[in-house]
């Protein structure tokens, strides 16, 4: 393979490699601050954790993968769909748990699940509600977000990640604010999801990272092509 950055391959070729997520030459700058540059990797199904300290660009990278932050250069492909060129198709194959889970203060947890299920054309079925119950969310589903604790808000978004069959699950601080039983349930769910999809998350909780069997990756290592 030629040296230098890896060029983009057609979606069909990526799928033959098992690459459900690909980031290619990603770069981001805020004014004079260079956050990162040249991030390039392909991810096959598995659990990958970003565990570096604050202000290293983890949330920025996750936001780019989720399509809520535009890169200054490079691109993201979700199951072969370009986030820049075909964002609806890419986001249909993605689940995203943001760091800030208070985007809709007046909405109830159940209302958000219904909204996201409709957007994804996915069933709000027994499996989703069972996952909510294992997280301890069920008694709080009809509260408004502004009435919920930080952990309860996060549980709603984690429950929403079970809607449909996303190829990639992106979570920024998924264990933040969760009680011990919910963290244990989350680790088991991440392990289950990682069998057939990419679970990419940022966390400073070493117990969660170990419990879900995640591979720890540093942003600085994302410069040379290698598939996880």
C-alpha atoms as a PDB file:
ATOM      1  CA  UNK A   1       0.000   0.000   0.000  1.00  0.00           C
ATOM      2  CA  UNK A   2       1.401   3.462  -0.816  1.00  0.00           C
ATOM      3  CA  UNK A   3       2.568   5.554   2.097  1.00  0.00           C
ATOM      4  CA  UNK A   4       0.665   8.655   3.181  1.00  0.00           C
ATOM      5  CA  UNK A   5      -2.992   9.014   3.986  1.00  0.00           C
ATOM      6  CA  UNK A   6      -5.390   6.290   2.963  1.00  0.00           C
ATOM      7  CA  UNK A   7      -7.719   7.240   0.133  1.00  0.00           C
ATOM      8  CA  UNK A   8     -11.441   6.580   0.289  1.00  0.00           C
ATOM      9  CA  UNK A   9     -12.718   3.294  -1.136  1.00  0.00           C
ATOM     10  CA  UNK A  10     -16.243   2.644  -2.484  1.00  0.00           C
ATOM     11  CA  UNK A  11     -18.847   1.550   0.033  1.00  0.00           C
ATOM     12  CA  UNK A  12     -19.059  -1.984  -1.303  1.00  0.00           C
ATOM     13  CA  UNK A  13     -15.316  -2.424  -0.822  1.00  0.00           C
ATOM     14  CA  UNK A  14     -15.494  -1.103   2.730  1.00  0.00           C
ATOM     15  CA  UNK A  15     -18.239  -3.540   3.598  1.00  0.00           C
ATOM     16  CA  UNK A  16     -16.121  -6.452   2.395  1.00  0.00           C
ATOM     17  CA  UNK A  17     -13.537  -5.367   4.984  1.00  0.00           C
ATOM     18  CA  UNK A  18     -16.200  -5.262   7.690  1.00  0.00           C
ATOM     19  CA  UNK A  19     -15.696  -1.515   8.150  1.00  0.00           C
ATOM     20  CA  UNK A  20     -18.952  -0.222   9.601  1.00  0.00           C
ATOM     21  CA  UNK A  21     -17.291   3.082  10.504  1.00  0.00           C
ATOM     22  CA  UNK A  22     -14.584   4.909   8.593  1.00  0.00           C
ATOM     23  CA  UNK A  23     -12.947   8.230   9.356  1.00  0.00           C
ATOM     24  CA  UNK A  24     -10.673   9.549   6.632  1.00  0.00           C
ATOM     25  CA  UNK A  25      -8.157  12.375   7.121  1.00  0.00           C
ATOM     26  CA  UNK A  26     -10.355  14.184   9.659  1.00  0.00           C
ATOM     27  CA  UNK A  27      -9.182  17.585  10.771  1.00  0.00           C
ATOM     28  CA  UNK A  28     -10.697  20.310  12.949  1.00  0.00           C
ATOM     29  CA  UNK A  29      -9.554  23.780  13.969  1.00  0.00           C
ATOM     30  CA  UNK A  30     -11.213  26.438  16.118  1.00  0.00           C
ATOM     31  CA  UNK A  31      -9.710  29.797  15.139  1.00  0.00           C
ATOM     32  CA  UNK A  32      -5.993  29.393  15.851  1.00  0.00           C
ATOM     33  CA  UNK A  33      -6.403  26.191  17.856  1.00  0.00           C
ATOM     34  CA  UNK A  34      -5.704  22.995  15.926  1.00  0.00           C
ATOM     35  CA  UNK A  35      -7.729  20.258  17.630  1.00  0.00           C
ATOM     36  CA  UNK A  36      -6.468  17.417  15.456  1.00  0.00           C
ATOM     37  CA  UNK A  37      -5.502  16.623  11.901  1.00  0.00           C
ATOM     38  CA  UNK A  38      -5.278  13.585   9.643  1.00  0.00           C
ATOM     39  CA  UNK A  39      -7.294  11.121  11.746  1.00  0.00           C
ATOM     40  CA  UNK A  40      -7.814   8.023   9.587  1.00  0.00           C
ATOM     41  CA  UNK A  41      -9.148   4.610  10.634  1.00  0.00           C
ATOM     42  CA  UNK A  42     -11.625   1.896   9.720  1.00  0.00           C
ATOM     43  CA  UNK A  43     -13.586   0.204  12.498  1.00  0.00           C
ATOM     44  CA  UNK A  44     -15.076  -3.271  12.268  1.00  0.00           C
ATOM     45  CA  UNK A  45     -17.635  -4.409  14.882  1.00  0.00           C
ATOM     46  CA  UNK A  46     -16.268  -4.058  18.388  1.00  0.00           C
ATOM     47  CA  UNK A  47     -16.082  -1.783  21.421  1.00  0.00           C
ATOM     48  CA  UNK A  48     -13.588   1.104  21.337  1.00  0.00           C
ATOM     49  CA  UNK A  49     -13.013   3.576  24.175  1.00  0.00           C
ATOM     50  CA  UNK A  50     -11.359   6.999  24.109  1.00  0.00           C
ATOM     51  CA  UNK A  51     -10.025   7.568  27.622  1.00  0.00           C
ATOM     52  CA  UNK A  52      -7.670  10.525  27.354  1.00  0.00           C
ATOM     53  CA  UNK A  53      -7.852  13.563  29.599  1.00  0.00           C
ATOM     54  CA  UNK A  54     -10.090  16.573  28.972  1.00  0.00           C
ATOM     55  CA  UNK A  55      -9.492  18.948  26.059  1.00  0.00           C
ATOM     56  CA  UNK A  56      -7.894  16.381  23.783  1.00  0.00           C
ATOM     57  CA  UNK A  57     -10.602  16.418  21.112  1.00  0.00           C
ATOM     58  CA  UNK A  58     -12.600  13.314  22.085  1.00  0.00           C
ATOM     59  CA  UNK A  59     -15.988  15.051  22.097  1.00  0.00           C
ATOM     60  CA  UNK A  60     -15.144  16.833  18.850  1.00  0.00           C
ATOM     61  CA  UNK A  61     -14.316  13.539  17.153  1.00  0.00           C
ATOM     62  CA  UNK A  62     -17.480  11.873  18.453  1.00  0.00           C
ATOM     63  CA  UNK A  63     -19.541  14.861  17.306  1.00  0.00           C
ATOM     64  CA  UNK A  64     -18.060  14.561  13.818  1.00  0.00           C
ATOM     65  CA  UNK A  65     -18.814  10.840  13.666  1.00  0.00           C
ATOM     66  CA  UNK A  66     -22.382  11.610  14.775  1.00  0.00           C
ATOM     67  CA  UNK A  67     -22.767  14.347  12.169  1.00  0.00           C
ATOM     68  CA  UNK A  68     -23.370  17.200  14.628  1.00  0.00           C
ATOM     69  CA  UNK A  69     -19.966  18.855  14.086  1.00  0.00           C
ATOM     70  CA  UNK A  70     -18.659  19.502  10.570  1.00  0.00           C
ATOM     71  CA  UNK A  71     -15.000  18.633   9.965  1.00  0.00           C
ATOM     72  CA  UNK A  72     -12.738  21.198   8.349  1.00  0.00           C
ATOM     73  CA  UNK A  73     -11.254  18.439   6.241  1.00  0.00           C
ATOM     74  CA  UNK A  74     -11.787  14.748   5.646  1.00  0.00           C
ATOM     75  CA  UNK A  75     -14.955  12.734   6.002  1.00  0.00           C
ATOM     76  CA  UNK A  76     -16.939  10.100   7.903  1.00  0.00           C
ATOM     77  CA  UNK A  77     -18.694   7.040   6.485  1.00  0.00           C
ATOM     78  CA  UNK A  78     -21.282   5.067   8.447  1.00  0.00           C
ATOM     79  CA  UNK A  79     -21.823   1.599   6.972  1.00  0.00           C
ATOM     80  CA  UNK A  80     -20.608   2.938   3.632  1.00  0.00           C
ATOM     81  CA  UNK A  81     -22.749   6.100   3.667  1.00  0.00           C
ATOM     82  CA  UNK A  82     -20.995   9.474   3.576  1.00  0.00           C
ATOM     83  CA  UNK A  83     -22.008  11.777   6.428  1.00  0.00           C
ATOM     84  CA  UNK A  84     -21.317  14.765   4.145  1.00  0.00           C
ATOM     85  CA  UNK A  85     -22.974  13.558   0.933  1.00  0.00           C
ATOM     86  CA  UNK A  86     -25.775  11.284   2.194  1.00  0.00           C
ATOM     87  CA  UNK A  87     -26.374  12.369   5.813  1.00  0.00           C
ATOM     88  CA  UNK A  88     -29.887  10.939   6.086  1.00  0.00           C
ATOM     89  CA  UNK A  89     -28.703   7.465   5.128  1.00  0.00           C
ATOM     90  CA  UNK A  90     -25.645   7.735   7.371  1.00  0.00           C
ATOM     91  CA  UNK A  91     -27.622   8.912  10.401  1.00  0.00           C
ATOM     92  CA  UNK A  92     -30.213   6.185   9.850  1.00  0.00           C
ATOM     93  CA  UNK A  93     -27.442   3.683  10.621  1.00  0.00           C
ATOM     94  CA  UNK A  94     -26.228   5.581  13.688  1.00  0.00           C
ATOM     95  CA  UNK A  95     -27.192   5.956  17.352  1.00  0.00           C
ATOM     96  CA  UNK A  96     -25.793   8.913  19.299  1.00  0.00           C
ATOM     97  CA  UNK A  97     -25.688   9.576  23.036  1.00  0.00           C
ATOM     98  CA  UNK A  98     -24.423  13.172  23.480  1.00  0.00           C
ATOM     99  CA  UNK A  99     -22.624  14.558  26.504  1.00  0.00           C
ATOM    100  CA  UNK A 100     -25.385  17.158  26.941  1.00  0.00           C
ATOM    101  CA  UNK A 101     -28.690  15.319  27.280  1.00  0.00           C
ATOM    102  CA  UNK A 102     -30.830  18.384  27.969  1.00  0.00           C
ATOM    103  CA  UNK A 103     -31.582  19.526  24.431  1.00  0.00           C
ATOM    104  CA  UNK A 104     -35.366  19.333  24.992  1.00  0.00           C
ATOM    105  CA  UNK A 105     -36.102  20.441  28.603  1.00  0.00           C
ATOM    106  CA  UNK A 106     -39.907  20.337  28.306  1.00  0.00           C
ATOM    107  CA  UNK A 107     -40.098  16.976  26.522  1.00  0.00           C
ATOM    108  CA  UNK A 108     -40.739  13.738  28.376  1.00  0.00           C
ATOM    109  CA  UNK A 109     -38.483  10.734  28.072  1.00  0.00           C
ATOM    110  CA  UNK A 110     -41.259   8.737  26.464  1.00  0.00           C
ATOM    111  CA  UNK A 111     -41.935  11.584  24.050  1.00  0.00           C
ATOM    112  CA  UNK A 112     -38.316  11.666  22.918  1.00  0.00           C
ATOM    113  CA  UNK A 113     -38.282   7.905  22.380  1.00  0.00           C
ATOM    114  CA  UNK A 114     -41.461   8.175  20.300  1.00  0.00           C
ATOM    115  CA  UNK A 115     -39.986  11.039  18.278  1.00  0.00           C
ATOM    116  CA  UNK A 116     -36.718   9.241  17.550  1.00  0.00           C
ATOM    117  CA  UNK A 117     -38.517   5.996  16.728  1.00  0.00           C
ATOM    118  CA  UNK A 118     -40.636   7.858  14.160  1.00  0.00           C
ATOM    119  CA  UNK A 119     -37.569   9.561  12.667  1.00  0.00           C
ATOM    120  CA  UNK A 120     -35.765   6.225  12.320  1.00  0.00           C
ATOM    121  CA  UNK A 121     -38.913   4.368  11.214  1.00  0.00           C
ATOM    122  CA  UNK A 122     -38.148   1.940  14.026  1.00  0.00           C
ATOM    123  CA  UNK A 123     -40.407   0.096  16.442  1.00  0.00           C
ATOM    124  CA  UNK A 124     -40.674   1.261  20.029  1.00  0.00           C
ATOM    125  CA  UNK A 125     -41.038  -2.366  21.039  1.00  0.00           C
ATOM    126  CA  UNK A 126     -40.741  -4.611  24.068  1.00  0.00           C
ATOM    127  CA  UNK A 127     -36.982  -4.982  23.637  1.00  0.00           C
ATOM    128  CA  UNK A 128     -36.519  -1.199  23.921  1.00  0.00           C
ATOM    129  CA  UNK A 129     -38.688  -0.973  27.032  1.00  0.00           C
ATOM    130  CA  UNK A 130     -36.904  -3.982  28.539  1.00  0.00           C
ATOM    131  CA  UNK A 131     -33.596  -2.142  28.075  1.00  0.00           C
ATOM    132  CA  UNK A 132     -35.124   0.944  29.710  1.00  0.00           C
ATOM    133  CA  UNK A 133     -36.192  -1.217  32.639  1.00  0.00           C
ATOM    134  CA  UNK A 134     -32.718  -2.717  33.062  1.00  0.00           C
ATOM    135  CA  UNK A 135     -31.348   0.820  33.224  1.00  0.00           C
ATOM    136  CA  UNK A 136     -33.891   1.712  35.913  1.00  0.00           C
ATOM    137  CA  UNK A 137     -35.526   4.296  33.653  1.00  0.00           C
ATOM    138  CA  UNK A 138     -39.104   2.988  33.546  1.00  0.00           C
ATOM    139  CA  UNK A 139     -40.475   4.964  36.567  1.00  0.00           C
ATOM    140  CA  UNK A 140     -39.134   8.199  35.053  1.00  0.00           C
ATOM    141  CA  UNK A 141     -40.209   7.874  31.412  1.00  0.00           C
ATOM    142  CA  UNK A 142     -43.082  10.332  31.730  1.00  0.00           C
ATOM    143  CA  UNK A 143     -41.074  13.041  33.487  1.00  0.00           C
ATOM    144  CA  UNK A 144     -39.890  16.069  31.556  1.00  0.00           C
ATOM    145  CA  UNK A 145     -36.137  16.291  30.984  1.00  0.00           C
ATOM    146  CA  UNK A 146     -35.963  19.395  33.172  1.00  0.00           C
ATOM    147  CA  UNK A 147     -37.324  17.268  36.045  1.00  0.00           C
ATOM    148  CA  UNK A 148     -34.750  14.495  35.603  1.00  0.00           C
ATOM    149  CA  UNK A 149     -31.318  13.999  37.108  1.00  0.00           C
ATOM    150  CA  UNK A 150     -28.301  13.994  34.801  1.00  0.00           C
ATOM    151  CA  UNK A 151     -28.101  10.207  34.955  1.00  0.00           C
ATOM    152  CA  UNK A 152     -31.795   9.745  34.168  1.00  0.00           C
ATOM    153  CA  UNK A 153     -31.537  12.004  31.114  1.00  0.00           C
ATOM    154  CA  UNK A 154     -28.611   9.926  29.907  1.00  0.00           C
ATOM    155  CA  UNK A 155     -30.618   6.745  30.413  1.00  0.00           C
ATOM    156  CA  UNK A 156     -33.236   8.045  27.961  1.00  0.00           C
ATOM    157  CA  UNK A 157     -30.622   8.538  25.252  1.00  0.00           C
ATOM    158  CA  UNK A 158     -29.029   5.170  26.023  1.00  0.00           C
ATOM    159  CA  UNK A 159     -32.463   3.592  25.664  1.00  0.00           C
ATOM    160  CA  UNK A 160     -32.913   5.370  22.337  1.00  0.00           C
ATOM    161  CA  UNK A 161     -29.688   3.775  21.108  1.00  0.00           C
ATOM    162  CA  UNK A 162     -31.555   0.460  21.066  1.00  0.00           C
ATOM    163  CA  UNK A 163     -34.022   1.710  18.436  1.00  0.00           C
ATOM    164  CA  UNK A 164     -33.667  -0.119  15.137  1.00  0.00           C
ATOM    165  CA  UNK A 165     -30.384  -1.775  14.192  1.00  0.00           C
ATOM    166  CA  UNK A 166     -27.686   0.906  14.021  1.00  0.00           C
ATOM    167  CA  UNK A 167     -24.317  -0.071  12.597  1.00  0.00           C
ATOM    168  CA  UNK A 168     -22.535   2.427  14.862  1.00  0.00           C
ATOM    169  CA  UNK A 169     -23.275   3.525  18.431  1.00  0.00           C
ATOM    170  CA  UNK A 170     -21.480   6.730  19.503  1.00  0.00           C
ATOM    171  CA  UNK A 171     -21.617   7.758  23.173  1.00  0.00           C
ATOM    172  CA  UNK A 172     -19.938  10.675  24.919  1.00  0.00           C
ATOM    173  CA  UNK A 173     -19.529   9.872  28.627  1.00  0.00           C
ATOM    174  CA  UNK A 174     -22.206   7.137  28.629  1.00  0.00           C
ATOM    175  CA  UNK A 175     -21.640   6.197  32.268  1.00  0.00           C
ATOM    176  CA  UNK A 176     -21.695   9.748  33.641  1.00  0.00           C
ATOM    177  CA  UNK A 177     -24.296  10.117  36.372  1.00  0.00           C
ATOM    178  CA  UNK A 178     -25.404   6.476  36.248  1.00  0.00           C
ATOM    179  CA  UNK A 179     -25.929   4.433  39.394  1.00  0.00           C
ATOM    180  CA  UNK A 180     -23.983   1.179  39.848  1.00  0.00           C
ATOM    181  CA  UNK A 181     -26.740  -1.192  38.572  1.00  0.00           C
ATOM    182  CA  UNK A 182     -27.201   0.941  35.449  1.00  0.00           C
ATOM    183  CA  UNK A 183     -23.442   0.996  34.781  1.00  0.00           C
ATOM    184  CA  UNK A 184     -23.348  -2.788  35.046  1.00  0.00           C
ATOM    185  CA  UNK A 185     -26.298  -3.096  32.648  1.00  0.00           C
ATOM    186  CA  UNK A 186     -24.608  -0.645  30.263  1.00  0.00           C
ATOM    187  CA  UNK A 187     -21.398  -2.679  30.186  1.00  0.00           C
ATOM    188  CA  UNK A 188     -23.325  -5.836  29.330  1.00  0.00           C
ATOM    189  CA  UNK A 189     -25.304  -4.038  26.632  1.00  0.00           C
ATOM    190  CA  UNK A 190     -22.182  -2.535  25.078  1.00  0.00           C
ATOM    191  CA  UNK A 191     -20.643  -6.031  24.966  1.00  0.00           C
ATOM    192  CA  UNK A 192     -23.766  -7.395  23.280  1.00  0.00           C
ATOM    193  CA  UNK A 193     -23.973  -4.552  20.747  1.00  0.00           C
ATOM    194  CA  UNK A 194     -20.278  -4.813  19.907  1.00  0.00           C
ATOM    195  CA  UNK A 195     -20.749  -8.295  18.472  1.00  0.00           C
ATOM    196  CA  UNK A 196     -22.338  -6.903  15.314  1.00  0.00           C
ATOM    197  CA  UNK A 197     -21.773  -3.130  15.391  1.00  0.00           C
ATOM    198  CA  UNK A 198     -19.204  -0.524  16.315  1.00  0.00           C
ATOM    199  CA  UNK A 199     -19.535   0.951  19.809  1.00  0.00           C
ATOM    200  CA  UNK A 200     -17.325   4.046  20.045  1.00  0.00           C
ATOM    201  CA  UNK A 201     -17.398   5.963  23.313  1.00  0.00           C
ATOM    202  CA  UNK A 202     -15.448   8.381  25.509  1.00  0.00           C
ATOM    203  CA  UNK A 203     -15.147   7.604  29.199  1.00  0.00           C
ATOM    204  CA  UNK A 204     -13.037   8.262  32.282  1.00  0.00           C
ATOM    205  CA  UNK A 205     -14.539   5.226  34.041  1.00  0.00           C
ATOM    206  CA  UNK A 206     -11.923   2.421  33.881  1.00  0.00           C
ATOM    207  CA  UNK A 207     -14.342  -0.085  35.410  1.00  0.00           C
ATOM    208  CA  UNK A 208     -16.847   0.477  32.600  1.00  0.00           C
ATOM    209  CA  UNK A 209     -14.121   0.222  29.967  1.00  0.00           C
ATOM    210  CA  UNK A 210     -12.867  -3.078  31.426  1.00  0.00           C
ATOM    211  CA  UNK A 211     -16.346  -4.497  31.986  1.00  0.00           C
ATOM    212  CA  UNK A 212     -17.415  -4.059  28.371  1.00  0.00           C
ATOM    213  CA  UNK A 213     -14.091  -5.358  27.027  1.00  0.00           C
ATOM    214  CA  UNK A 214     -13.341  -2.178  25.111  1.00  0.00           C
ATOM    215  CA  UNK A 215     -10.104  -1.535  23.300  1.00  0.00           C
ATOM    216  CA  UNK A 216      -8.601   1.712  24.533  1.00  0.00           C
ATOM    217  CA  UNK A 217      -7.479   4.037  21.726  1.00  0.00           C
ATOM    218  CA  UNK A 218      -5.695   7.391  21.870  1.00  0.00           C
ATOM    219  CA  UNK A 219      -6.418  10.060  19.296  1.00  0.00           C
ATOM    220  CA  UNK A 220      -2.695  10.391  18.631  1.00  0.00           C
ATOM    221  CA  UNK A 221      -2.684   6.790  17.353  1.00  0.00           C
ATOM    222  CA  UNK A 222      -5.245   7.519  14.634  1.00  0.00           C
ATOM    223  CA  UNK A 223      -2.697   8.689  12.117  1.00  0.00           C
ATOM    224  CA  UNK A 224      -1.834   5.461  10.336  1.00  0.00           C
ATOM    225  CA  UNK A 225      -4.326   3.154   8.706  1.00  0.00           C
ATOM    226  CA  UNK A 226      -5.245   0.194  10.865  1.00  0.00           C
ATOM    227  CA  UNK A 227      -8.563  -1.593  11.267  1.00  0.00           C
ATOM    228  CA  UNK A 228      -9.964  -2.514  14.680  1.00  0.00           C
END
